[in-house]
mmCIF file of all heavy atoms, coordinates in Angstrom:
data_MODEL
# 
_entry.id   MODEL 
# 
loop_
_atom_site.group_PDB 
_atom_site.id 
_atom_site.type_symbol 
_atom_site.label_atom_id 
_atom_site.label_alt_id 
_atom_site.label_comp_id 
_atom_site.label_asym_id 
_atom_site.label_entity_id 
_atom_site.label_seq_id 
_atom_site.pdbx_PDB_ins_code 
_atom_site.Cartn_x 
_atom_site.Cartn_y 
_atom_site.Cartn_z 
_atom_site.occupancy 
_atom_site.B_iso_or_equiv 
_atom_site.pdbx_formal_charge 
_atom_site.auth_seq_id 
_atom_site.auth_comp_id 
_atom_site.auth_asym_id 
_atom_site.auth_atom_id 
_atom_site.pdbx_PDB_model_num 
ATOM 1   N N   . LEU A 1 1  ? 160.521 45.192 -93.376  1.00 0.00 ? 1  LEU A N   1 
ATOM 2   C CA  . LEU A 1 1  ? 160.586 44.731 -94.710  1.00 0.00 ? 1  LEU A CA  1 
ATOM 3   C C   . LEU A 1 1  ? 161.039 43.283 -94.859  1.00 0.00 ? 1  LEU A C   1 
ATOM 4   O O   . LEU A 1 1  ? 161.768 42.794 -94.016  1.00 0.00 ? 1  LEU A O   1 
ATOM 5   C CB  . LEU A 1 1  ? 161.537 45.612 -95.543  1.00 0.00 ? 1  LEU A CB  1 
ATOM 6   C CG  . LEU A 1 1  ? 161.202 47.128 -95.727  1.00 0.00 ? 1  LEU A CG  1 
ATOM 7   C CD1 . LEU A 1 1  ? 162.339 47.836 -96.357  1.00 0.00 ? 1  LEU A CD1 1 
ATOM 8   C CD2 . LEU A 1 1  ? 159.956 47.320 -96.510  1.00 0.00 ? 1  LEU A CD2 1 
ATOM 9   N N   . PRO A 1 2  ? 160.665 42.618 -95.867  1.00 0.00 ? 2  PRO A N   1 
ATOM 10  C CA  . PRO A 1 2  ? 161.286 41.339 -96.239  1.00 0.00 ? 2  PRO A CA  1 
ATOM 11  C C   . PRO A 1 2  ? 162.879 41.537 -96.366  1.00 0.00 ? 2  PRO A C   1 
ATOM 12  O O   . PRO A 1 2  ? 163.291 42.596 -96.804  1.00 0.00 ? 2  PRO A O   1 
ATOM 13  C CB  . PRO A 1 2  ? 160.597 40.895 -97.520  1.00 0.00 ? 2  PRO A CB  1 
ATOM 14  C CG  . PRO A 1 2  ? 159.384 41.720 -97.530  1.00 0.00 ? 2  PRO A CG  1 
ATOM 15  C CD  . PRO A 1 2  ? 159.626 42.962 -96.869  1.00 0.00 ? 2  PRO A CD  1 
ATOM 16  N N   . GLN A 1 3  ? 163.570 40.574 -96.023  1.00 0.00 ? 3  GLN A N   1 
ATOM 17  C CA  . GLN A 1 3  ? 165.033 40.687 -96.105  1.00 0.00 ? 3  GLN A CA  1 
ATOM 18  C C   . GLN A 1 3  ? 165.553 41.108 -97.499  1.00 0.00 ? 3  GLN A C   1 
ATOM 19  O O   . GLN A 1 3  ? 166.444 41.949 -97.604  1.00 0.00 ? 3  GLN A O   1 
ATOM 20  C CB  . GLN A 1 3  ? 165.749 39.373 -95.740  1.00 0.00 ? 3  GLN A CB  1 
ATOM 21  C CG  . GLN A 1 3  ? 167.203 39.547 -95.508  1.00 0.00 ? 3  GLN A CG  1 
ATOM 22  C CD  . GLN A 1 3  ? 167.888 38.310 -94.939  1.00 0.00 ? 3  GLN A CD  1 
ATOM 23  O OE1 . GLN A 1 3  ? 168.155 37.300 -95.673  1.00 0.00 ? 3  GLN A OE1 1 
ATOM 24  N NE2 . GLN A 1 3  ? 168.148 38.326 -93.592  1.00 0.00 ? 3  GLN A NE2 1 
ATOM 25  N N   . ILE A 1 4  ? 164.953 40.543 -98.538  1.00 0.00 ? 4  ILE A N   1 
ATOM 26  C CA  . ILE A 1 4  ? 165.350 40.855 -99.898  1.00 0.00 ? 4  ILE A CA  1 
ATOM 27  C C   . ILE A 1 4  ? 165.083 42.274 -100.235 1.00 0.00 ? 4  ILE A C   1 
ATOM 28  O O   . ILE A 1 4  ? 165.897 42.991 -100.987 1.00 0.00 ? 4  ILE A O   1 
ATOM 29  C CB  . ILE A 1 4  ? 164.780 39.921 -100.894 1.00 0.00 ? 4  ILE A CB  1 
ATOM 30  C CG1 . ILE A 1 4  ? 165.478 40.058 -102.256 1.00 0.00 ? 4  ILE A CG1 1 
ATOM 31  C CG2 . ILE A 1 4  ? 163.297 40.091 -101.069 1.00 0.00 ? 4  ILE A CG2 1 
ATOM 32  C CD1 . ILE A 1 4  ? 165.184 38.925 -103.247 1.00 0.00 ? 4  ILE A CD1 1 
ATOM 33  N N   . ASP A 1 5  ? 163.951 42.863 -99.767  1.00 0.00 ? 5  ASP A N   1 
ATOM 34  C CA  . ASP A 1 5  ? 163.688 44.250 -100.054 1.00 0.00 ? 5  ASP A CA  1 
ATOM 35  C C   . ASP A 1 5  ? 164.655 45.179 -99.300  1.00 0.00 ? 5  ASP A C   1 
ATOM 36  O O   . ASP A 1 5  ? 165.060 46.254 -99.798  1.00 0.00 ? 5  ASP A O   1 
ATOM 37  C CB  . ASP A 1 5  ? 162.268 44.561 -99.600  1.00 0.00 ? 5  ASP A CB  1 
ATOM 38  C CG  . ASP A 1 5  ? 161.218 43.977 -100.569 1.00 0.00 ? 5  ASP A CG  1 
ATOM 39  O OD1 . ASP A 1 5  ? 161.654 43.235 -101.459 1.00 0.00 ? 5  ASP A OD1 1 
ATOM 40  O OD2 . ASP A 1 5  ? 159.946 44.237 -100.404 1.00 0.00 ? 5  ASP A OD2 1 
ATOM 41  N N   . GLU A 1 6  ? 165.010 44.807 -98.061  1.00 0.00 ? 6  GLU A N   1 
ATOM 42  C CA  . GLU A 1 6  ? 166.008 45.477 -97.289  1.00 0.00 ? 6  GLU A CA  1 
ATOM 43  C C   . GLU A 1 6  ? 167.329 45.724 -98.132  1.00 0.00 ? 6  GLU A C   1 
ATOM 44  O O   . GLU A 1 6  ? 167.958 46.756 -98.160  1.00 0.00 ? 6  GLU A O   1 
ATOM 45  C CB  . GLU A 1 6  ? 166.353 44.811 -96.011  1.00 0.00 ? 6  GLU A CB  1 
ATOM 46  C CG  . GLU A 1 6  ? 165.288 44.820 -94.958  1.00 0.00 ? 6  GLU A CG  1 
ATOM 47  C CD  . GLU A 1 6  ? 165.631 43.902 -93.771  1.00 0.00 ? 6  GLU A CD  1 
ATOM 48  O OE1 . GLU A 1 6  ? 166.683 43.323 -93.850  1.00 0.00 ? 6  GLU A OE1 1 
ATOM 49  O OE2 . GLU A 1 6  ? 164.882 44.012 -92.778  1.00 0.00 ? 6  GLU A OE2 1 
ATOM 50  N N   . LEU A 1 7  ? 167.707 44.599 -98.808  1.00 0.00 ? 7  LEU A N   1 
ATOM 51  C CA  . LEU A 1 7  ? 168.975 44.618 -99.513  1.00 0.00 ? 7  LEU A CA  1 
ATOM 52  C C   . LEU A 1 7  ? 168.949 45.506 -100.846 1.00 0.00 ? 7  LEU A C   1 
ATOM 53  O O   . LEU A 1 7  ? 169.779 46.260 -101.097 1.00 0.00 ? 7  LEU A O   1 
ATOM 54  C CB  . LEU A 1 7  ? 169.361 43.174 -99.849  1.00 0.00 ? 7  LEU A CB  1 
ATOM 55  C CG  . LEU A 1 7  ? 169.682 42.260 -98.691  1.00 0.00 ? 7  LEU A CG  1 
ATOM 56  C CD1 . LEU A 1 7  ? 169.764 40.815 -99.078  1.00 0.00 ? 7  LEU A CD1 1 
ATOM 57  C CD2 . LEU A 1 7  ? 170.915 42.724 -98.000  1.00 0.00 ? 7  LEU A CD2 1 
ATOM 58  N N   . ILE A 1 8  ? 167.844 45.267 -101.631 1.00 0.00 ? 8  ILE A N   1 
ATOM 59  C CA  . ILE A 1 8  ? 167.790 46.052 -102.835 1.00 0.00 ? 8  ILE A CA  1 
ATOM 60  C C   . ILE A 1 8  ? 167.604 47.514 -102.543 1.00 0.00 ? 8  ILE A C   1 
ATOM 61  O O   . ILE A 1 8  ? 168.027 48.369 -103.292 1.00 0.00 ? 8  ILE A O   1 
ATOM 62  C CB  . ILE A 1 8  ? 166.550 45.488 -103.596 1.00 0.00 ? 8  ILE A CB  1 
ATOM 63  C CG1 . ILE A 1 8  ? 166.782 44.083 -104.178 1.00 0.00 ? 8  ILE A CG1 1 
ATOM 64  C CG2 . ILE A 1 8  ? 166.251 46.405 -104.810 1.00 0.00 ? 8  ILE A CG2 1 
ATOM 65  C CD1 . ILE A 1 8  ? 165.592 43.472 -104.777 1.00 0.00 ? 8  ILE A CD1 1 
ATOM 66  N N   . HIS A 1 9  ? 167.023 47.892 -101.373 1.00 0.00 ? 9  HIS A N   1 
ATOM 67  C CA  . HIS A 1 9  ? 166.722 49.209 -101.003 1.00 0.00 ? 9  HIS A CA  1 
ATOM 68  C C   . HIS A 1 9  ? 168.085 50.077 -100.910 1.00 0.00 ? 9  HIS A C   1 
ATOM 69  O O   . HIS A 1 9  ? 168.165 51.164 -101.212 1.00 0.00 ? 9  HIS A O   1 
ATOM 70  C CB  . HIS A 1 9  ? 165.971 49.288 -99.714  1.00 0.00 ? 9  HIS A CB  1 
ATOM 71  C CG  . HIS A 1 9  ? 165.756 50.619 -99.217  1.00 0.00 ? 9  HIS A CG  1 
ATOM 72  N ND1 . HIS A 1 9  ? 164.886 51.516 -99.771  1.00 0.00 ? 9  HIS A ND1 1 
ATOM 73  C CD2 . HIS A 1 9  ? 166.228 51.307 -98.104  1.00 0.00 ? 9  HIS A CD2 1 
ATOM 74  C CE1 . HIS A 1 9  ? 164.821 52.628 -99.065  1.00 0.00 ? 9  HIS A CE1 1 
ATOM 75  N NE2 . HIS A 1 9  ? 165.715 52.548 -98.023  1.00 0.00 ? 9  HIS A NE2 1 
ATOM 76  N N   . ILE A 1 10 ? 169.086 49.410 -100.417 1.00 0.00 ? 10 ILE A N   1 
ATOM 77  C CA  . ILE A 1 10 ? 170.377 50.122 -100.040 1.00 0.00 ? 10 ILE A CA  1 
ATOM 78  C C   . ILE A 1 10 ? 171.453 50.079 -101.113 1.00 0.00 ? 10 ILE A C   1 
ATOM 79  O O   . ILE A 1 10 ? 172.572 50.486 -100.925 1.00 0.00 ? 10 ILE A O   1 
ATOM 80  C CB  . ILE A 1 10 ? 171.008 49.606 -98.760  1.00 0.00 ? 10 ILE A CB  1 
ATOM 81  C CG1 . ILE A 1 10 ? 171.280 48.089 -98.848  1.00 0.00 ? 10 ILE A CG1 1 
ATOM 82  C CG2 . ILE A 1 10 ? 170.019 49.829 -97.572  1.00 0.00 ? 10 ILE A CG2 1 
ATOM 83  C CD1 . ILE A 1 10 ? 171.992 47.578 -97.579  1.00 0.00 ? 10 ILE A CD1 1 
ATOM 84  N N   . ALA A 1 11 ? 171.134 49.576 -102.331 1.00 0.00 ? 11 ALA A N   1 
ATOM 85  C CA  . ALA A 1 11 ? 172.142 49.489 -103.415 1.00 0.00 ? 11 ALA A CA  1 
ATOM 86  C C   . ALA A 1 11 ? 171.586 49.894 -104.746 1.00 0.00 ? 11 ALA A C   1 
ATOM 87  O O   . ALA A 1 11 ? 170.490 49.642 -105.138 1.00 0.00 ? 11 ALA A O   1 
ATOM 88  C CB  . ALA A 1 11 ? 172.685 48.047 -103.501 1.00 0.00 ? 11 ALA A CB  1 
ATOM 89  N N   . ARG A 1 12 ? 172.437 50.593 -105.452 1.00 0.00 ? 12 ARG A N   1 
ATOM 90  C CA  . ARG A 1 12 ? 172.059 50.947 -106.843 1.00 0.00 ? 12 ARG A CA  1 
ATOM 91  C C   . ARG A 1 12 ? 171.993 49.729 -107.725 1.00 0.00 ? 12 ARG A C   1 
ATOM 92  O O   . ARG A 1 12 ? 171.123 49.531 -108.583 1.00 0.00 ? 12 ARG A O   1 
ATOM 93  C CB  . ARG A 1 12 ? 173.065 51.915 -107.458 1.00 0.00 ? 12 ARG A CB  1 
ATOM 94  C CG  . ARG A 1 12 ? 173.115 53.364 -106.894 1.00 0.00 ? 12 ARG A CG  1 
ATOM 95  C CD  . ARG A 1 12 ? 174.185 54.129 -107.449 1.00 0.00 ? 12 ARG A CD  1 
ATOM 96  N NE  . ARG A 1 12 ? 174.097 55.540 -107.003 1.00 0.00 ? 12 ARG A NE  1 
ATOM 97  C CZ  . ARG A 1 12 ? 173.485 56.528 -107.635 1.00 0.00 ? 12 ARG A CZ  1 
ATOM 98  N NH1 . ARG A 1 12 ? 173.078 56.278 -108.795 1.00 0.00 ? 12 ARG A NH1 1 
ATOM 99  N NH2 . ARG A 1 12 ? 173.514 57.739 -107.106 1.00 0.00 ? 12 ARG A NH2 1 
ATOM 100 N N   . VAL A 1 13 ? 172.930 48.825 -107.541 1.00 0.00 ? 13 VAL A N   1 
ATOM 101 C CA  . VAL A 1 13 ? 172.991 47.580 -108.250 1.00 0.00 ? 13 VAL A CA  1 
ATOM 102 C C   . VAL A 1 13 ? 173.130 46.461 -107.200 1.00 0.00 ? 13 VAL A C   1 
ATOM 103 O O   . VAL A 1 13 ? 174.002 46.377 -106.435 1.00 0.00 ? 13 VAL A O   1 
ATOM 104 C CB  . VAL A 1 13 ? 174.220 47.493 -109.261 1.00 0.00 ? 13 VAL A CB  1 
ATOM 105 C CG1 . VAL A 1 13 ? 174.190 46.106 -109.964 1.00 0.00 ? 13 VAL A CG1 1 
ATOM 106 C CG2 . VAL A 1 13 ? 174.118 48.608 -110.203 1.00 0.00 ? 13 VAL A CG2 1 
ATOM 107 N N   . SER A 1 14 ? 172.216 45.481 -107.260 1.00 0.00 ? 14 SER A N   1 
ATOM 108 C CA  . SER A 1 14 ? 172.193 44.250 -106.375 1.00 0.00 ? 14 SER A CA  1 
ATOM 109 C C   . SER A 1 14 ? 172.481 43.043 -107.289 1.00 0.00 ? 14 SER A C   1 
ATOM 110 O O   . SER A 1 14 ? 171.720 42.827 -108.189 1.00 0.00 ? 14 SER A O   1 
ATOM 111 C CB  . SER A 1 14 ? 170.858 44.141 -105.692 1.00 0.00 ? 14 SER A CB  1 
ATOM 112 O OG  . SER A 1 14 ? 170.537 45.288 -104.926 1.00 0.00 ? 14 SER A OG  1 
ATOM 113 N N   . VAL A 1 15 ? 173.535 42.333 -106.912 1.00 0.00 ? 15 VAL A N   1 
ATOM 114 C CA  . VAL A 1 15 ? 173.944 41.161 -107.726 1.00 0.00 ? 15 VAL A CA  1 
ATOM 115 C C   . VAL A 1 15 ? 173.709 39.900 -106.962 1.00 0.00 ? 15 VAL A C   1 
ATOM 116 O O   . VAL A 1 15 ? 174.437 39.687 -105.962 1.00 0.00 ? 15 VAL A O   1 
ATOM 117 C CB  . VAL A 1 15 ? 175.397 41.261 -108.207 1.00 0.00 ? 15 VAL A CB  1 
ATOM 118 C CG1 . VAL A 1 15 ? 175.718 40.103 -109.268 1.00 0.00 ? 15 VAL A CG1 1 
ATOM 119 C CG2 . VAL A 1 15 ? 175.650 42.632 -108.797 1.00 0.00 ? 15 VAL A CG2 1 
ATOM 120 N N   . PHE A 1 16 ? 172.715 39.065 -107.407 1.00 0.00 ? 16 PHE A N   1 
ATOM 121 C CA  . PHE A 1 16 ? 172.442 37.925 -106.602 1.00 0.00 ? 16 PHE A CA  1 
ATOM 122 C C   . PHE A 1 16 ? 172.961 36.679 -107.366 1.00 0.00 ? 16 PHE A C   1 
ATOM 123 O O   . PHE A 1 16 ? 172.618 36.388 -108.519 1.00 0.00 ? 16 PHE A O   1 
ATOM 124 C CB  . PHE A 1 16 ? 170.922 37.698 -106.579 1.00 0.00 ? 16 PHE A CB  1 
ATOM 125 C CG  . PHE A 1 16 ? 170.193 38.801 -105.677 1.00 0.00 ? 16 PHE A CG  1 
ATOM 126 C CD1 . PHE A 1 16 ? 169.832 39.953 -106.319 1.00 0.00 ? 16 PHE A CD1 1 
ATOM 127 C CD2 . PHE A 1 16 ? 169.963 38.600 -104.329 1.00 0.00 ? 16 PHE A CD2 1 
ATOM 128 C CE1 . PHE A 1 16 ? 169.234 40.965 -105.609 1.00 0.00 ? 16 PHE A CE1 1 
ATOM 129 C CE2 . PHE A 1 16 ? 169.379 39.566 -103.669 1.00 0.00 ? 16 PHE A CE2 1 
ATOM 130 C CZ  . PHE A 1 16 ? 168.989 40.793 -104.197 1.00 0.00 ? 16 PHE A CZ  1 
ATOM 131 N N   . PHE A 1 17 ? 173.773 35.937 -106.702 1.00 0.00 ? 17 PHE A N   1 
ATOM 132 C CA  . PHE A 1 17 ? 174.302 34.565 -107.182 1.00 0.00 ? 17 PHE A CA  1 
ATOM 133 C C   . PHE A 1 17 ? 173.522 33.490 -106.544 1.00 0.00 ? 17 PHE A C   1 
ATOM 134 O O   . PHE A 1 17 ? 173.577 33.322 -105.301 1.00 0.00 ? 17 PHE A O   1 
ATOM 135 C CB  . PHE A 1 17 ? 175.847 34.452 -106.917 1.00 0.00 ? 17 PHE A CB  1 
ATOM 136 C CG  . PHE A 1 17 ? 176.668 35.409 -107.717 1.00 0.00 ? 17 PHE A CG  1 
ATOM 137 C CD1 . PHE A 1 17 ? 176.964 36.652 -107.040 1.00 0.00 ? 17 PHE A CD1 1 
ATOM 138 C CD2 . PHE A 1 17 ? 177.225 35.153 -108.903 1.00 0.00 ? 17 PHE A CD2 1 
ATOM 139 C CE1 . PHE A 1 17 ? 177.718 37.650 -107.760 1.00 0.00 ? 17 PHE A CE1 1 
ATOM 140 C CE2 . PHE A 1 17 ? 178.012 36.079 -109.517 1.00 0.00 ? 17 PHE A CE2 1 
ATOM 141 C CZ  . PHE A 1 17 ? 178.221 37.309 -108.993 1.00 0.00 ? 17 PHE A CZ  1 
ATOM 142 N N   . ILE A 1 18 ? 172.889 32.625 -107.396 1.00 0.00 ? 18 ILE A N   1 
ATOM 143 C CA  . ILE A 1 18 ? 171.884 31.714 -106.777 1.00 0.00 ? 18 ILE A CA  1 
ATOM 144 C C   . ILE A 1 18 ? 171.908 30.379 -107.437 1.00 0.00 ? 18 ILE A C   1 
ATOM 145 O O   . ILE A 1 18 ? 172.146 30.299 -108.654 1.00 0.00 ? 18 ILE A O   1 
ATOM 146 C CB  . ILE A 1 18 ? 170.512 32.334 -106.844 1.00 0.00 ? 18 ILE A CB  1 
ATOM 147 C CG1 . ILE A 1 18 ? 169.572 31.525 -106.042 1.00 0.00 ? 18 ILE A CG1 1 
ATOM 148 C CG2 . ILE A 1 18 ? 170.052 32.514 -108.319 1.00 0.00 ? 18 ILE A CG2 1 
ATOM 149 C CD1 . ILE A 1 18 ? 168.195 32.267 -105.756 1.00 0.00 ? 18 ILE A CD1 1 
ATOM 150 N N   . ASP A 1 19 ? 171.656 29.338 -106.672 1.00 0.00 ? 19 ASP A N   1 
ATOM 151 C CA  . ASP A 1 19 ? 171.367 27.941 -107.164 1.00 0.00 ? 19 ASP A CA  1 
ATOM 152 C C   . ASP A 1 19 ? 170.029 27.573 -106.477 1.00 0.00 ? 19 ASP A C   1 
ATOM 153 O O   . ASP A 1 19 ? 170.080 27.296 -105.227 1.00 0.00 ? 19 ASP A O   1 
ATOM 154 C CB  . ASP A 1 19 ? 172.471 26.973 -106.802 1.00 0.00 ? 19 ASP A CB  1 
ATOM 155 C CG  . ASP A 1 19 ? 172.187 25.512 -107.248 1.00 0.00 ? 19 ASP A CG  1 
ATOM 156 O OD1 . ASP A 1 19 ? 171.104 25.325 -107.752 1.00 0.00 ? 19 ASP A OD1 1 
ATOM 157 O OD2 . ASP A 1 19 ? 173.048 24.664 -107.030 1.00 0.00 ? 19 ASP A OD2 1 
ATOM 158 N N   . ASP A 1 20 ? 168.962 27.530 -107.151 1.00 0.00 ? 20 ASP A N   1 
ATOM 159 C CA  . ASP A 1 20 ? 167.630 27.325 -106.571 1.00 0.00 ? 20 ASP A CA  1 
ATOM 160 C C   . ASP A 1 20 ? 167.536 25.948 -105.853 1.00 0.00 ? 20 ASP A C   1 
ATOM 161 O O   . ASP A 1 20 ? 166.557 25.699 -105.077 1.00 0.00 ? 20 ASP A O   1 
ATOM 162 C CB  . ASP A 1 20 ? 166.553 27.442 -107.601 1.00 0.00 ? 20 ASP A CB  1 
ATOM 163 C CG  . ASP A 1 20 ? 166.307 28.934 -107.962 1.00 0.00 ? 20 ASP A CG  1 
ATOM 164 O OD1 . ASP A 1 20 ? 166.085 29.755 -107.081 1.00 0.00 ? 20 ASP A OD1 1 
ATOM 165 O OD2 . ASP A 1 20 ? 166.228 29.243 -109.159 1.00 0.00 ? 20 ASP A OD2 1 
ATOM 166 N N   . ARG A 1 21 ? 168.420 25.058 -106.166 1.00 0.00 ? 21 ARG A N   1 
ATOM 167 C CA  . ARG A 1 21 ? 168.411 23.720 -105.605 1.00 0.00 ? 21 ARG A CA  1 
ATOM 168 C C   . ARG A 1 21 ? 169.357 23.506 -104.351 1.00 0.00 ? 21 ARG A C   1 
ATOM 169 O O   . ARG A 1 21 ? 169.720 22.402 -104.060 1.00 0.00 ? 21 ARG A O   1 
ATOM 170 C CB  . ARG A 1 21 ? 168.663 22.662 -106.658 1.00 0.00 ? 21 ARG A CB  1 
ATOM 171 C CG  . ARG A 1 21 ? 167.713 22.699 -107.870 1.00 0.00 ? 21 ARG A CG  1 
ATOM 172 C CD  . ARG A 1 21 ? 167.974 21.664 -108.887 1.00 0.00 ? 21 ARG A CD  1 
ATOM 173 N NE  . ARG A 1 21 ? 167.105 21.756 -110.033 1.00 0.00 ? 21 ARG A NE  1 
ATOM 174 C CZ  . ARG A 1 21 ? 167.304 22.377 -111.119 1.00 0.00 ? 21 ARG A CZ  1 
ATOM 175 N NH1 . ARG A 1 21 ? 168.477 22.977 -111.272 1.00 0.00 ? 21 ARG A NH1 1 
ATOM 176 N NH2 . ARG A 1 21 ? 166.440 22.412 -112.089 1.00 0.00 ? 21 ARG A NH2 1 
ATOM 177 N N   . GLN A 1 22 ? 169.798 24.639 -103.796 1.00 0.00 ? 22 GLN A N   1 
ATOM 178 C CA  . GLN A 1 22 ? 170.623 24.474 -102.652 1.00 0.00 ? 22 GLN A CA  1 
ATOM 179 C C   . GLN A 1 22 ? 169.990 24.976 -101.349 1.00 0.00 ? 22 GLN A C   1 
ATOM 180 O O   . GLN A 1 22 ? 170.696 25.221 -100.346 1.00 0.00 ? 22 GLN A O   1 
ATOM 181 C CB  . GLN A 1 22 ? 171.937 25.197 -102.890 1.00 0.00 ? 22 GLN A CB  1 
ATOM 182 C CG  . GLN A 1 22 ? 172.890 24.472 -103.772 1.00 0.00 ? 22 GLN A CG  1 
ATOM 183 C CD  . GLN A 1 22 ? 174.391 24.878 -103.619 1.00 0.00 ? 22 GLN A CD  1 
ATOM 184 O OE1 . GLN A 1 22 ? 174.824 25.000 -102.461 1.00 0.00 ? 22 GLN A OE1 1 
ATOM 185 N NE2 . GLN A 1 22 ? 175.065 25.122 -104.661 1.00 0.00 ? 22 GLN A NE2 1 
ATOM 186 N N   . ILE A 1 23 ? 168.702 25.211 -101.322 1.00 0.00 ? 23 ILE A N   1 
ATOM 187 C CA  . ILE A 1 23 ? 167.971 25.492 -100.025 1.00 0.00 ? 23 ILE A CA  1 
ATOM 188 C C   . ILE A 1 23 ? 167.932 24.287 -99.157  1.00 0.00 ? 23 ILE A C   1 
ATOM 189 O O   . ILE A 1 23 ? 167.382 23.237 -99.556  1.00 0.00 ? 23 ILE A O   1 
ATOM 190 C CB  . ILE A 1 23 ? 166.599 26.059 -100.298 1.00 0.00 ? 23 ILE A CB  1 
ATOM 191 C CG1 . ILE A 1 23 ? 166.689 27.375 -101.218 1.00 0.00 ? 23 ILE A CG1 1 
ATOM 192 C CG2 . ILE A 1 23 ? 165.820 26.266 -99.078  1.00 0.00 ? 23 ILE A CG2 1 
ATOM 193 C CD1 . ILE A 1 23 ? 165.263 27.889 -101.565 1.00 0.00 ? 23 ILE A CD1 1 
ATOM 194 N N   . VAL A 1 24 ? 168.522 24.386 -97.920  1.00 0.00 ? 24 VAL A N   1 
ATOM 195 C CA  . VAL A 1 24 ? 168.581 23.239 -97.073  1.00 0.00 ? 24 VAL A CA  1 
ATOM 196 C C   . VAL A 1 24 ? 168.017 23.476 -95.701  1.00 0.00 ? 24 VAL A C   1 
ATOM 197 O O   . VAL A 1 24 ? 167.999 22.562 -94.931  1.00 0.00 ? 24 VAL A O   1 
ATOM 198 C CB  . VAL A 1 24 ? 170.095 22.769 -96.887  1.00 0.00 ? 24 VAL A CB  1 
ATOM 199 C CG1 . VAL A 1 24 ? 170.722 22.310 -98.254  1.00 0.00 ? 24 VAL A CG1 1 
ATOM 200 C CG2 . VAL A 1 24 ? 170.970 23.889 -96.253  1.00 0.00 ? 24 VAL A CG2 1 
# 
C-alpha cells in the first residue's frame, strides 16, 4: 500500500499536521 493508506488503515482517527511548503 502507499504509506499514507497504511497509516489511515490502522487508526479510527488519523490527525495530519502539515505545511505543504516544507517538502525538501
